[in-house]
Amino acid sequence: MNLGLAILLIVLALIAGLVGGFFISRKYMMDYFEKNPPVNEDMLRMMMMQMGQKPSEKKIKQMMASMKVQSEKKNKKK
């Protein structure tokens, strides 16, 4: 009976560790991407130039603002 109980406890600890690790890493990545967004103004400029557009500062600021608003709406839904 002791062997069965030991195996059960090991399996439960493994499952709890996996679930806890998943949620901790998910929270860490969400905070990281909130502080360090994957797209910045320089990237937008490069993308616009590659598409054949001449990026104006006003257009860059508008795009960054719209991305920020969209990100905030997405976070509020959660």
C-alpha atoms as a PDB file:
ATOM      1  CA  MET A   1       0.000   0.000   0.000  1.00  0.00           C
ATOM      2  CA  ASN A   2       2.872   2.392   0.711  1.00  0.00           C
ATOM      3  CA  LEU A   3       4.255   2.000  -2.826  1.00  0.00           C
ATOM      4  CA  GLY A   4       0.869   2.816  -4.371  1.00  0.00           C
ATOM      5  CA  LEU A   5       0.508   5.876  -2.167  1.00  0.00           C
ATOM      6  CA  ALA A   6       4.017   7.064  -3.061  1.00  0.00           C
ATOM      7  CA  ILE A   7       3.320   6.720  -6.797  1.00  0.00           C
ATOM      8  CA  LEU A   8       0.032   8.577  -6.427  1.00  0.00           C
ATOM      9  CA  LEU A   9       1.691  11.432  -4.535  1.00  0.00           C
ATOM     10  CA  ILE A  10       4.472  11.676  -7.132  1.00  0.00           C
ATOM     11  CA  VAL A  11       1.952  11.841  -9.978  1.00  0.00           C
ATOM     12  CA  LEU A  12      -0.123  14.479  -8.162  1.00  0.00           C
ATOM     13  CA  ALA A  13       2.986  16.575  -7.438  1.00  0.00           C
ATOM     14  CA  LEU A  14       4.018  16.339 -11.090  1.00  0.00           C
ATOM     15  CA  ILE A  15       0.603  17.456 -12.311  1.00  0.00           C
ATOM     16  CA  ALA A  16       0.474  20.311  -9.785  1.00  0.00           C
ATOM     17  CA  GLY A  17       3.971  21.433 -10.838  1.00  0.00           C
ATOM     18  CA  LEU A  18       3.066  21.412 -14.524  1.00  0.00           C
ATOM     19  CA  VAL A  19      -0.149  23.383 -13.979  1.00  0.00           C
ATOM     20  CA  GLY A  20       1.538  25.868 -11.653  1.00  0.00           C
ATOM     21  CA  GLY A  21       4.492  26.301 -14.008  1.00  0.00           C
ATOM     22  CA  PHE A  22       2.175  26.944 -16.944  1.00  0.00           C
ATOM     23  CA  PHE A  23       0.260  29.718 -15.191  1.00  0.00           C
ATOM     24  CA  ILE A  24       3.376  31.338 -13.742  1.00  0.00           C
ATOM     25  CA  SER A  25       5.119  31.385 -17.127  1.00  0.00           C
ATOM     26  CA  ARG A  26       1.963  32.692 -18.832  1.00  0.00           C
ATOM     27  CA  LYS A  27       1.715  35.574 -16.356  1.00  0.00           C
ATOM     28  CA  TYR A  28       5.420  36.361 -16.776  1.00  0.00           C
ATOM     29  CA  MET A  29       5.160  36.491 -20.575  1.00  0.00           C
ATOM     30  CA  MET A  30       2.032  38.663 -20.504  1.00  0.00           C
ATOM     31  CA  ASP A  31       3.789  41.159 -18.214  1.00  0.00           C
ATOM     32  CA  TYR A  32       6.920  41.059 -20.391  1.00  0.00           C
ATOM     33  CA  PHE A  33       5.004  41.794 -23.596  1.00  0.00           C
ATOM     34  CA  GLU A  34       3.049  44.568 -21.885  1.00  0.00           C
ATOM     35  CA  LYS A  35       6.285  46.283 -20.851  1.00  0.00           C
ATOM     36  CA  ASN A  36       8.163  45.448 -24.080  1.00  0.00           C
ATOM     37  CA  PRO A  37       5.758  45.413 -27.004  1.00  0.00           C
ATOM     38  CA  PRO A  38       6.999  43.360 -29.941  1.00  0.00           C
ATOM     39  CA  VAL A  39       6.401  46.193 -32.451  1.00  0.00           C
ATOM     40  CA  ASN A  40       7.978  49.605 -32.018  1.00  0.00           C
ATOM     41  CA  GLU A  41       8.194  52.775 -34.121  1.00  0.00           C
ATOM     42  CA  ASP A  42      11.388  51.757 -35.909  1.00  0.00           C
ATOM     43  CA  MET A  43       9.828  48.476 -36.970  1.00  0.00           C
ATOM     44  CA  LEU A  44       6.757  50.299 -38.301  1.00  0.00           C
ATOM     45  CA  ARG A  45       8.987  52.657 -40.296  1.00  0.00           C
ATOM     46  CA  MET A  46      10.868  49.742 -41.850  1.00  0.00           C
ATOM     47  CA  MET A  47       7.640  47.916 -42.707  1.00  0.00           C
ATOM     48  CA  MET A  48       6.151  50.995 -44.334  1.00  0.00           C
ATOM     49  CA  MET A  49       9.306  51.645 -46.364  1.00  0.00           C
ATOM     50  CA  GLN A  50       9.329  48.008 -47.519  1.00  0.00           C
ATOM     51  CA  MET A  51       5.729  48.419 -48.670  1.00  0.00           C
ATOM     52  CA  GLY A  52       6.745  51.457 -50.713  1.00  0.00           C
ATOM     53  CA  GLN A  53       5.219  54.100 -48.445  1.00  0.00           C
ATOM     54  CA  LYS A  54       7.041  57.087 -47.082  1.00  0.00           C
ATOM     55  CA  PRO A  55       6.383  57.007 -43.349  1.00  0.00           C
ATOM     56  CA  SER A  56       5.460  60.337 -41.802  1.00  0.00           C
ATOM     57  CA  GLU A  57       5.859  60.877 -38.069  1.00  0.00           C
ATOM     58  CA  LYS A  58       2.132  61.596 -37.744  1.00  0.00           C
ATOM     59  CA  LYS A  59       1.196  58.304 -39.389  1.00  0.00           C
ATOM     60  CA  ILE A  60       3.637  56.359 -37.196  1.00  0.00           C
ATOM     61  CA  LYS A  61       2.211  57.931 -34.021  1.00  0.00           C
ATOM     62  CA  GLN A  62      -1.357  57.171 -35.148  1.00  0.00           C
ATOM     63  CA  MET A  63      -0.530  53.534 -35.808  1.00  0.00           C
ATOM     64  CA  MET A  64       1.224  53.143 -32.447  1.00  0.00           C
ATOM     65  CA  ALA A  65      -1.725  54.768 -30.650  1.00  0.00           C
ATOM     66  CA  SER A  66      -4.241  52.510 -32.383  1.00  0.00           C
ATOM     67  CA  MET A  67      -2.166  49.432 -31.511  1.00  0.00           C
ATOM     68  CA  LYS A  68      -2.013  50.545 -27.879  1.00  0.00           C
ATOM     69  CA  VAL A  69      -5.781  51.080 -27.701  1.00  0.00           C
ATOM     70  CA  GLN A  70      -6.384  47.707 -29.294  1.00  0.00           C
ATOM     71  CA  SER A  71      -4.052  46.032 -26.819  1.00  0.00           C
ATOM     72  CA  GLU A  72      -5.801  47.696 -23.862  1.00  0.00           C
ATOM     73  CA  LYS A  73      -9.224  46.579 -25.125  1.00  0.00           C
ATOM     74  CA  LYS A  74      -7.934  43.034 -25.436  1.00  0.00           C
ATOM     75  CA  ASN A  75      -6.563  43.106 -21.868  1.00  0.00           C
ATOM     76  CA  LYS A  76      -9.850  44.455 -20.454  1.00  0.00           C
ATOM     77  CA  LYS A  77     -11.807  41.565 -21.926  1.00  0.00           C
ATOM     78  CA  LYS A  78      -9.718  39.056 -19.976  1.00  0.00           C
END
